Amino acid sequence: MRVEGDLDLATTPLVRDALADAPSGARVVLDLSACTFLDSSAVQLFATAARDAEQAGGSLAVVAPDPAVARVLEITRMDTILEVHRSLETAL
């Protein structure tokens, strides 16, 4: 899945719905290469989606090449509960 622009309170429901449509037990790669901003609702979405994926036998990986987006994932410790990659190639 690819996210473009801001991932915030207005857009996280769209991503949440898309993640819910992923097959149970799948490995999902969320490509944030074109994402320019994350807020706390995005962080909460990642935490919930990672937990749900793990419980279903799958996983969630995030591609975050933008240093600002990657920094949010580091500060919030999301990088300790989901895979964070700098490129789509390493995530796949």
PDB file of N, CA and C in Angstrom:
ATOM      1  N   MET A   1       0.838  -1.173   0.000  1.00  0.00           N
ATOM      2  CA  MET A   1       0.000   0.000   0.000  1.00  0.00           C
ATOM      3  C   MET A   1       0.881   1.234   0.000  1.00  0.00           C
ATOM      4  N   ARG A   2       0.447   2.248  -0.686  1.00  0.00           N
ATOM      5  CA  ARG A   2       1.234   3.478  -0.791  1.00  0.00           C
ATOM      6  C   ARG A   2       0.412   4.652  -0.260  1.00  0.00           C
ATOM      7  N   VAL A   3       1.036   5.441   0.604  1.00  0.00           N
ATOM      8  CA  VAL A   3       0.403   6.629   1.175  1.00  0.00           C
ATOM      9  C   VAL A   3       1.091   7.854   0.594  1.00  0.00           C
ATOM     10  N   GLU A   4       0.295   8.817   0.134  1.00  0.00           N
ATOM     11  CA  GLU A   4       0.837  10.063  -0.406  1.00  0.00           C
ATOM     12  C   GLU A   4       0.307  11.234   0.402  1.00  0.00           C
ATOM     13  N   GLY A   5       1.161  12.220   0.624  1.00  0.00           N
ATOM     14  CA  GLY A   5       0.758  13.421   1.348  1.00  0.00           C
ATOM     15  C   GLY A   5       0.783  13.203   2.843  1.00  0.00           C
ATOM     16  N   ASP A   6      -0.120  13.868   3.539  1.00  0.00           N
ATOM     17  CA  ASP A   6      -0.188  13.800   4.993  1.00  0.00           C
ATOM     18  C   ASP A   6      -0.968  12.579   5.461  1.00  0.00           C
ATOM     19  N   LEU A   7      -0.484  11.971   6.523  1.00  0.00           N
ATOM     20  CA  LEU A   7      -1.222  10.898   7.187  1.00  0.00           C
ATOM     21  C   LEU A   7      -1.600  11.442   8.550  1.00  0.00           C
ATOM     22  N   ASP A   8      -2.844  11.886   8.632  1.00  0.00           N
ATOM     23  CA  ASP A   8      -3.314  12.576   9.828  1.00  0.00           C
ATOM     24  C   ASP A   8      -4.736  12.145  10.155  1.00  0.00           C
ATOM     25  N   LEU A   9      -5.362  12.859  11.059  1.00  0.00           N
ATOM     26  CA  LEU A   9      -6.710  12.516  11.522  1.00  0.00           C
ATOM     27  C   LEU A   9      -7.708  12.398  10.372  1.00  0.00           C
ATOM     28  N   ALA A  10      -7.530  13.198   9.338  1.00  0.00           N
ATOM     29  CA  ALA A  10      -8.455  13.163   8.201  1.00  0.00           C
ATOM     30  C   ALA A  10      -8.223  11.963   7.283  1.00  0.00           C
ATOM     31  N   THR A  11      -6.995  11.492   7.197  1.00  0.00           N
ATOM     32  CA  THR A  11      -6.675  10.435   6.232  1.00  0.00           C
ATOM     33  C   THR A  11      -6.439   9.055   6.834  1.00  0.00           C
ATOM     34  N   THR A  12      -6.171   8.975   8.133  1.00  0.00           N
ATOM     35  CA  THR A  12      -5.925   7.652   8.719  1.00  0.00           C
ATOM     36  C   THR A  12      -7.114   6.697   8.581  1.00  0.00           C
ATOM     37  N   PRO A  13      -8.366   7.169   8.612  1.00  0.00           N
ATOM     38  CA  PRO A  13      -9.457   6.204   8.410  1.00  0.00           C
ATOM     39  C   PRO A  13      -9.397   5.506   7.049  1.00  0.00           C
ATOM     40  N   LEU A  14      -8.943   6.206   6.024  1.00  0.00           N
ATOM     41  CA  LEU A  14      -8.817   5.589   4.697  1.00  0.00           C
ATOM     42  C   LEU A  14      -7.763   4.484   4.709  1.00  0.00           C
ATOM     43  N   VAL A  15      -6.640   4.744   5.363  1.00  0.00           N
ATOM     44  CA  VAL A  15      -5.579   3.749   5.453  1.00  0.00           C
ATOM     45  C   VAL A  15      -6.022   2.592   6.341  1.00  0.00           C
ATOM     46  N   ARG A  16      -6.718   2.904   7.424  1.00  0.00           N
ATOM     47  CA  ARG A  16      -7.236   1.853   8.313  1.00  0.00           C
ATOM     48  C   ARG A  16      -8.156   0.910   7.537  1.00  0.00           C
ATOM     49  N   ASP A  17      -9.045   1.472   6.713  1.00  0.00           N
ATOM     50  CA  ASP A  17      -9.952   0.643   5.917  1.00  0.00           C
ATOM     51  C   ASP A  17      -9.188  -0.213   4.912  1.00  0.00           C
ATOM     52  N   ALA A  18      -8.171   0.368   4.279  1.00  0.00           N
ATOM     53  CA  ALA A  18      -7.369  -0.388   3.315  1.00  0.00           C
ATOM     54  C   ALA A  18      -6.619  -1.526   4.007  1.00  0.00           C
ATOM     55  N   LEU A  19      -6.080  -1.262   5.185  1.00  0.00           N
ATOM     56  CA  LEU A  19      -5.385  -2.313   5.940  1.00  0.00           C
ATOM     57  C   LEU A  19      -6.353  -3.414   6.358  1.00  0.00           C
ATOM     58  N   ALA A  20      -7.572  -3.045   6.690  1.00  0.00           N
ATOM     59  CA  ALA A  20      -8.577  -4.043   7.095  1.00  0.00           C
ATOM     60  C   ALA A  20      -8.932  -4.969   5.941  1.00  0.00           C
ATOM     61  N   ASP A  21      -8.756  -4.497   4.701  1.00  0.00           N
ATOM     62  CA  ASP A  21      -9.057  -5.319   3.530  1.00  0.00           C
ATOM     63  C   ASP A  21      -7.932  -6.297   3.175  1.00  0.00           C
ATOM     64  N   ALA A  22      -6.782  -6.150   3.825  1.00  0.00           N
ATOM     65  CA  ALA A  22      -5.667  -7.065   3.544  1.00  0.00           C
ATOM     66  C   ALA A  22      -6.026  -8.465   4.030  1.00  0.00           C
ATOM     67  N   PRO A  23      -5.591  -9.487   3.313  1.00  0.00           N
ATOM     68  CA  PRO A  23      -5.885 -10.857   3.738  1.00  0.00           C
ATOM     69  C   PRO A  23      -5.318 -11.142   5.135  1.00  0.00           C
ATOM     70  N   SER A  24      -6.066 -11.869   5.922  1.00  0.00           N
ATOM     71  CA  SER A  24      -5.619 -12.236   7.266  1.00  0.00           C
ATOM     72  C   SER A  24      -4.338 -13.049   7.177  1.00  0.00           C
ATOM     73  N   GLY A  25      -3.369 -12.688   8.014  1.00  0.00           N
ATOM     74  CA  GLY A  25      -2.105 -13.401   8.040  1.00  0.00           C
ATOM     75  C   GLY A  25      -1.109 -12.941   6.990  1.00  0.00           C
ATOM     76  N   ALA A  26      -1.445 -11.904   6.246  1.00  0.00           N
ATOM     77  CA  ALA A  26      -0.560 -11.416   5.191  1.00  0.00           C
ATOM     78  C   ALA A  26       0.553 -10.538   5.756  1.00  0.00           C
ATOM     79  N   ARG A  27       1.608 -10.425   4.998  1.00  0.00           N
ATOM     80  CA  ARG A  27       2.657  -9.442   5.294  1.00  0.00           C
ATOM     81  C   ARG A  27       2.309  -8.214   4.469  1.00  0.00           C
ATOM     82  N   VAL A  28       2.061  -7.117   5.142  1.00  0.00           N
ATOM     83  CA  VAL A  28       1.668  -5.877   4.473  1.00  0.00           C
ATOM     84  C   VAL A  28       2.825  -4.897   4.545  1.00  0.00           C
ATOM     85  N   VAL A  29       3.123  -4.280   3.404  1.00  0.00           N
ATOM     86  CA  VAL A  29       4.149  -3.244   3.341  1.00  0.00           C
ATOM     87  C   VAL A  29       3.439  -1.924   3.066  1.00  0.00           C
ATOM     88  N   LEU A  30       3.579  -1.000   3.983  1.00  0.00           N
ATOM     89  CA  LEU A  30       2.972   0.322   3.865  1.00  0.00           C
ATOM     90  C   LEU A  30       4.067   1.287   3.413  1.00  0.00           C
ATOM     91  N   ASP A  31       3.966   1.729   2.173  1.00  0.00           N
ATOM     92  CA  ASP A  31       4.989   2.577   1.571  1.00  0.00           C
ATOM     93  C   ASP A  31       4.690   4.042   1.863  1.00  0.00           C
ATOM     94  N   LEU A  32       5.525   4.647   2.695  1.00  0.00           N
ATOM     95  CA  LEU A  32       5.377   6.057   3.060  1.00  0.00           C
ATOM     96  C   LEU A  32       6.366   6.941   2.304  1.00  0.00           C
ATOM     97  N   SER A  33       6.883   6.458   1.173  1.00  0.00           N
ATOM     98  CA  SER A  33       7.861   7.215   0.404  1.00  0.00           C
ATOM     99  C   SER A  33       7.343   8.581  -0.019  1.00  0.00           C
ATOM    100  N   ALA A  34       6.060   8.695  -0.273  1.00  0.00           N
ATOM    101  CA  ALA A  34       5.463   9.964  -0.700  1.00  0.00           C
ATOM    102  C   ALA A  34       4.692  10.641   0.436  1.00  0.00           C
ATOM    103  N   CYS A  35       4.861  10.144   1.631  1.00  0.00           N
ATOM    104  CA  CYS A  35       4.192  10.723   2.802  1.00  0.00           C
ATOM    105  C   CYS A  35       5.071  11.837   3.362  1.00  0.00           C
ATOM    106  N   THR A  36       4.461  12.981   3.632  1.00  0.00           N
ATOM    107  CA  THR A  36       5.220  14.144   4.079  1.00  0.00           C
ATOM    108  C   THR A  36       5.014  14.494   5.544  1.00  0.00           C
ATOM    109  N   PHE A  37       4.015  13.883   6.175  1.00  0.00           N
ATOM    110  CA  PHE A  37       3.693  14.242   7.557  1.00  0.00           C
ATOM    111  C   PHE A  37       2.950  13.103   8.226  1.00  0.00           C
ATOM    112  N   LEU A  38       3.284  12.833   9.498  1.00  0.00           N
ATOM    113  CA  LEU A  38       2.548  11.871  10.334  1.00  0.00           C
ATOM    114  C   LEU A  38       2.117  12.575  11.602  1.00  0.00           C
ATOM    115  N   ASP A  39       0.892  12.329  12.045  1.00  0.00           N
ATOM    116  CA  ASP A  39       0.494  12.827  13.360  1.00  0.00           C
ATOM    117  C   ASP A  39       0.239  11.644  14.288  1.00  0.00           C
ATOM    118  N   SER A  40      -0.246  11.938  15.479  1.00  0.00           N
ATOM    119  CA  SER A  40      -0.441  10.883  16.478  1.00  0.00           C
ATOM    120  C   SER A  40      -1.476   9.846  16.051  1.00  0.00           C
ATOM    121  N   SER A  41      -2.436  10.240  15.220  1.00  0.00           N
ATOM    122  CA  SER A  41      -3.416   9.249  14.764  1.00  0.00           C
ATOM    123  C   SER A  41      -2.746   8.216  13.856  1.00  0.00           C
ATOM    124  N   ALA A  42      -1.746   8.625  13.097  1.00  0.00           N
ATOM    125  CA  ALA A  42      -1.000   7.684  12.254  1.00  0.00           C
ATOM    126  C   ALA A  42      -0.192   6.722  13.116  1.00  0.00           C
ATOM    127  N   VAL A  43       0.428   7.249  14.150  1.00  0.00           N
ATOM    128  CA  VAL A  43       1.212   6.411  15.062  1.00  0.00           C
ATOM    129  C   VAL A  43       0.303   5.377  15.722  1.00  0.00           C
ATOM    130  N   GLN A  44      -0.861   5.812  16.157  1.00  0.00           N
ATOM    131  CA  GLN A  44      -1.828   4.887  16.769  1.00  0.00           C
ATOM    132  C   GLN A  44      -2.280   3.835  15.758  1.00  0.00           C
ATOM    133  N   LEU A  45      -2.513   4.254  14.545  1.00  0.00           N
ATOM    134  CA  LEU A  45      -2.894   3.320  13.485  1.00  0.00           C
ATOM    135  C   LEU A  45      -1.817   2.263  13.283  1.00  0.00           C
ATOM    136  N   PHE A  46      -0.542   2.677  13.230  1.00  0.00           N
ATOM    137  CA  PHE A  46       0.550   1.723  13.053  1.00  0.00           C
ATOM    138  C   PHE A  46       0.619   0.732  14.206  1.00  0.00           C
ATOM    139  N   ALA A  47       0.464   1.220  15.423  1.00  0.00           N
ATOM    140  CA  ALA A  47       0.521   0.341  16.592  1.00  0.00           C
ATOM    141  C   ALA A  47      -0.592  -0.697  16.541  1.00  0.00           C
ATOM    142  N   THR A  48      -1.785  -0.251  16.251  1.00  0.00           N
ATOM    143  CA  THR A  48      -2.942  -1.155  16.185  1.00  0.00           C
ATOM    144  C   THR A  48      -2.802  -2.138  15.032  1.00  0.00           C
ATOM    145  N   ALA A  49      -2.402  -1.640  13.872  1.00  0.00           N
ATOM    146  CA  ALA A  49      -2.271  -2.498  12.694  1.00  0.00           C
ATOM    147  C   ALA A  49      -1.165  -3.537  12.884  1.00  0.00           C
ATOM    148  N   ALA A  50      -0.067  -3.145  13.503  1.00  0.00           N
ATOM    149  CA  ALA A  50       1.021  -4.105  13.761  1.00  0.00           C
ATOM    150  C   ALA A  50       0.563  -5.193  14.723  1.00  0.00           C
ATOM    151  N   ARG A  51      -0.144  -4.800  15.773  1.00  0.00           N
ATOM    152  CA  ARG A  51      -0.652  -5.788  16.736  1.00  0.00           C
ATOM    153  C   ARG A  51      -1.650  -6.726  16.066  1.00  0.00           C
ATOM    154  N   ASP A  52      -2.585  -6.168  15.308  1.00  0.00           N
ATOM    155  CA  ASP A  52      -3.591  -6.999  14.643  1.00  0.00           C
ATOM    156  C   ASP A  52      -2.965  -7.951  13.634  1.00  0.00           C
ATOM    157  N   ALA A  53      -1.988  -7.459  12.884  1.00  0.00           N
ATOM    158  CA  ALA A  53      -1.316  -8.312  11.896  1.00  0.00           C
ATOM    159  C   ALA A  53      -0.591  -9.463  12.583  1.00  0.00           C
ATOM    160  N   GLU A  54       0.095  -9.153  13.666  1.00  0.00           N
ATOM    161  CA  GLU A  54       0.830 -10.194  14.395  1.00  0.00           C
ATOM    162  C   GLU A  54      -0.121 -11.234  14.971  1.00  0.00           C
ATOM    163  N   GLN A  55      -1.234 -10.791  15.532  1.00  0.00           N
ATOM    164  CA  GLN A  55      -2.205 -11.727  16.099  1.00  0.00           C
ATOM    165  C   GLN A  55      -2.807 -12.631  15.031  1.00  0.00           C
ATOM    166  N   ALA A  56      -2.865 -12.145  13.795  1.00  0.00           N
ATOM    167  CA  ALA A  56      -3.421 -12.936  12.696  1.00  0.00           C
ATOM    168  C   ALA A  56      -2.356 -13.768  11.991  1.00  0.00           C
ATOM    169  N   GLY A  57      -1.108 -13.706  12.481  1.00  0.00           N
ATOM    170  CA  GLY A  57      -0.038 -14.481  11.880  1.00  0.00           C
ATOM    171  C   GLY A  57       0.667 -13.768  10.747  1.00  0.00           C
ATOM    172  N   GLY A  58       0.424 -12.482  10.587  1.00  0.00           N
ATOM    173  CA  GLY A  58       1.072 -11.705   9.534  1.00  0.00           C
ATOM    174  C   GLY A  58       2.033 -10.701  10.129  1.00  0.00           C
ATOM    175  N   SER A  59       2.334  -9.673   9.354  1.00  0.00           N
ATOM    176  CA  SER A  59       3.219  -8.626   9.835  1.00  0.00           C
ATOM    177  C   SER A  59       2.958  -7.338   9.071  1.00  0.00           C
ATOM    178  N   LEU A  60       3.447  -6.240   9.634  1.00  0.00           N
ATOM    179  CA  LEU A  60       3.348  -4.930   9.005  1.00  0.00           C
ATOM    180  C   LEU A  60       4.746  -4.349   8.901  1.00  0.00           C
ATOM    181  N   ALA A  61       5.130  -3.958   7.701  1.00  0.00           N
ATOM    182  CA  ALA A  61       6.393  -3.272   7.468  1.00  0.00           C
ATOM    183  C   ALA A  61       6.079  -1.893   6.912  1.00  0.00           C
ATOM    184  N   VAL A  62       6.920  -0.923   7.254  1.00  0.00           N
ATOM    185  CA  VAL A  62       6.728   0.452   6.812  1.00  0.00           C
ATOM    186  C   VAL A  62       7.987   0.899   6.083  1.00  0.00           C
ATOM    187  N   VAL A  63       7.797   1.539   4.946  1.00  0.00           N
ATOM    188  CA  VAL A  63       8.904   2.133   4.200  1.00  0.00           C
ATOM    189  C   VAL A  63       8.880   3.625   4.482  1.00  0.00           C
ATOM    190  N   ALA A  64       9.958   4.129   5.085  1.00  0.00           N
ATOM    191  CA  ALA A  64      10.018   5.537   5.479  1.00  0.00           C
ATOM    192  C   ALA A  64      11.379   6.134   5.123  1.00  0.00           C
ATOM    193  N   PRO A  65      11.577   6.501   3.840  1.00  0.00           N
ATOM    194  CA  PRO A  65      12.865   7.073   3.453  1.00  0.00           C
ATOM    195  C   PRO A  65      13.045   8.532   3.876  1.00  0.00           C
ATOM    196  N   ASP A  66      11.944   9.239   4.100  1.00  0.00           N
ATOM    197  CA  ASP A  66      12.031  10.645   4.510  1.00  0.00           C
ATOM    198  C   ASP A  66      12.535  10.719   5.946  1.00  0.00           C
ATOM    199  N   PRO A  67      13.607  11.459   6.200  1.00  0.00           N
ATOM    200  CA  PRO A  67      14.168  11.521   7.556  1.00  0.00           C
ATOM    201  C   PRO A  67      13.178  12.031   8.605  1.00  0.00           C
ATOM    202  N   ALA A  68      12.307  12.964   8.249  1.00  0.00           N
ATOM    203  CA  ALA A  68      11.347  13.491   9.213  1.00  0.00           C
ATOM    204  C   ALA A  68      10.315  12.431   9.598  1.00  0.00           C
ATOM    205  N   VAL A  69       9.842  11.683   8.615  1.00  0.00           N
ATOM    206  CA  VAL A  69       8.874  10.610   8.889  1.00  0.00           C
ATOM    207  C   VAL A  69       9.547   9.502   9.688  1.00  0.00           C
ATOM    208  N   ALA A  70      10.751   9.132   9.297  1.00  0.00           N
ATOM    209  CA  ALA A  70      11.489   8.091  10.033  1.00  0.00           C
ATOM    210  C   ALA A  70      11.743   8.526  11.472  1.00  0.00           C
ATOM    211  N   ARG A  71      12.018   9.792  11.665  1.00  0.00           N
ATOM    212  CA  ARG A  71      12.280  10.314  13.016  1.00  0.00           C
ATOM    213  C   ARG A  71      11.044  10.183  13.902  1.00  0.00           C
ATOM    214  N   VAL A  72       9.866  10.459  13.366  1.00  0.00           N
ATOM    215  CA  VAL A  72       8.628  10.285  14.138  1.00  0.00           C
ATOM    216  C   VAL A  72       8.497   8.834  14.583  1.00  0.00           C
ATOM    217  N   LEU A  73       8.802   7.907  13.698  1.00  0.00           N
ATOM    218  CA  LEU A  73       8.716   6.487  14.041  1.00  0.00           C
ATOM    219  C   LEU A  73       9.735   6.109  15.110  1.00  0.00           C
ATOM    220  N   GLU A  74      10.900   6.734  15.079  1.00  0.00           N
ATOM    221  CA  GLU A  74      11.921   6.476  16.099  1.00  0.00           C
ATOM    222  C   GLU A  74      11.521   7.080  17.443  1.00  0.00           C
ATOM    223  N   ILE A  75      11.095   8.328  17.440  1.00  0.00           N
ATOM    224  CA  ILE A  75      10.727   9.020  18.683  1.00  0.00           C
ATOM    225  C   ILE A  75       9.595   8.303  19.397  1.00  0.00           C
ATOM    226  N   THR A  76       8.637   7.817  18.636  1.00  0.00           N
ATOM    227  CA  THR A  76       7.480   7.140  19.223  1.00  0.00           C
ATOM    228  C   THR A  76       7.730   5.657  19.474  1.00  0.00           C
ATOM    229  N   ARG A  77       8.942   5.191  19.121  1.00  0.00           N
ATOM    230  CA  ARG A  77       9.356   3.804  19.314  1.00  0.00           C
ATOM    231  C   ARG A  77       8.566   2.818  18.450  1.00  0.00           C
ATOM    232  N   MET A  78       7.930   3.314  17.409  1.00  0.00           N
ATOM    233  CA  MET A  78       7.244   2.431  16.472  1.00  0.00           C
ATOM    234  C   MET A  78       8.243   1.509  15.786  1.00  0.00           C
ATOM    235  N   ASP A  79       9.480   1.960  15.673  1.00  0.00           N
ATOM    236  CA  ASP A  79      10.499   1.131  15.041  1.00  0.00           C
ATOM    237  C   ASP A  79      10.844  -0.109  15.865  1.00  0.00           C
ATOM    238  N   THR A  80      10.334  -0.183  17.093  1.00  0.00           N
ATOM    239  CA  THR A  80      10.569  -1.365  17.920  1.00  0.00           C
ATOM    240  C   THR A  80       9.433  -2.383  17.812  1.00  0.00           C
ATOM    241  N   ILE A  81       8.293  -1.972  17.243  1.00  0.00           N
ATOM    242  CA  ILE A  81       7.167  -2.913  17.146  1.00  0.00           C
ATOM    243  C   ILE A  81       6.788  -3.255  15.710  1.00  0.00           C
ATOM    244  N   LEU A  82       7.378  -2.545  14.745  1.00  0.00           N
ATOM    245  CA  LEU A  82       7.160  -2.907  13.355  1.00  0.00           C
ATOM    246  C   LEU A  82       8.449  -2.699  12.576  1.00  0.00           C
ATOM    247  N   GLU A  83       8.530  -3.337  11.447  1.00  0.00           N
ATOM    248  CA  GLU A  83       9.715  -3.207  10.595  1.00  0.00           C
ATOM    249  C   GLU A  83       9.686  -1.845   9.919  1.00  0.00           C
ATOM    250  N   VAL A  84      10.767  -1.100  10.028  1.00  0.00           N
ATOM    251  CA  VAL A  84      10.894   0.176   9.329  1.00  0.00           C
ATOM    252  C   VAL A  84      12.061   0.058   8.367  1.00  0.00           C
ATOM    253  N   HIS A  85      11.795   0.333   7.104  1.00  0.00           N
ATOM    254  CA  HIS A  85      12.804   0.231   6.049  1.00  0.00           C
ATOM    255  C   HIS A  85      12.997   1.584   5.383  1.00  0.00           C
ATOM    256  N   ARG A  86      14.196   1.811   4.875  1.00  0.00           N
ATOM    257  CA  ARG A  86      14.494   3.060   4.161  1.00  0.00           C
ATOM    258  C   ARG A  86      14.130   2.992   2.686  1.00  0.00           C
ATOM    259  N   SER A  87      13.913   1.780   2.168  1.00  0.00           N
ATOM    260  CA  SER A  87      13.543   1.648   0.745  1.00  0.00           C
ATOM    261  C   SER A  87      12.530   0.537   0.580  1.00  0.00           C
ATOM    262  N   LEU A  88      11.773   0.625  -0.486  1.00  0.00           N
ATOM    263  CA  LEU A  88      10.781  -0.399  -0.775  1.00  0.00           C
ATOM    264  C   LEU A  88      11.466  -1.724  -1.105  1.00  0.00           C
ATOM    265  N   GLU A  89      12.618  -1.644  -1.752  1.00  0.00           N
ATOM    266  CA  GLU A  89      13.343  -2.858  -2.118  1.00  0.00           C
ATOM    267  C   GLU A  89      13.717  -3.687  -0.883  1.00  0.00           C
ATOM    268  N   THR A  90      14.180  -3.032   0.183  1.00  0.00           N
ATOM    269  CA  THR A  90      14.564  -3.787   1.380  1.00  0.00           C
ATOM    270  C   THR A  90      13.350  -4.302   2.142  1.00  0.00           C
ATOM    271  N   ALA A  91      12.207  -3.658   1.961  1.00  0.00           N
ATOM    272  CA  ALA A  91      10.990  -4.098   2.650  1.00  0.00           C
ATOM    273  C   ALA A  91      10.370  -5.320   1.996  1.00  0.00           C
ATOM    274  N   LEU A  92      10.618  -5.456   0.707  1.00  0.00           N
ATOM    275  CA  LEU A  92      10.025  -6.578  -0.026  1.00  0.00           C
ATOM    276  C   LEU A  92      10.901  -7.762   0.054  1.00  0.00           C
TER     277      LEU A  92
END
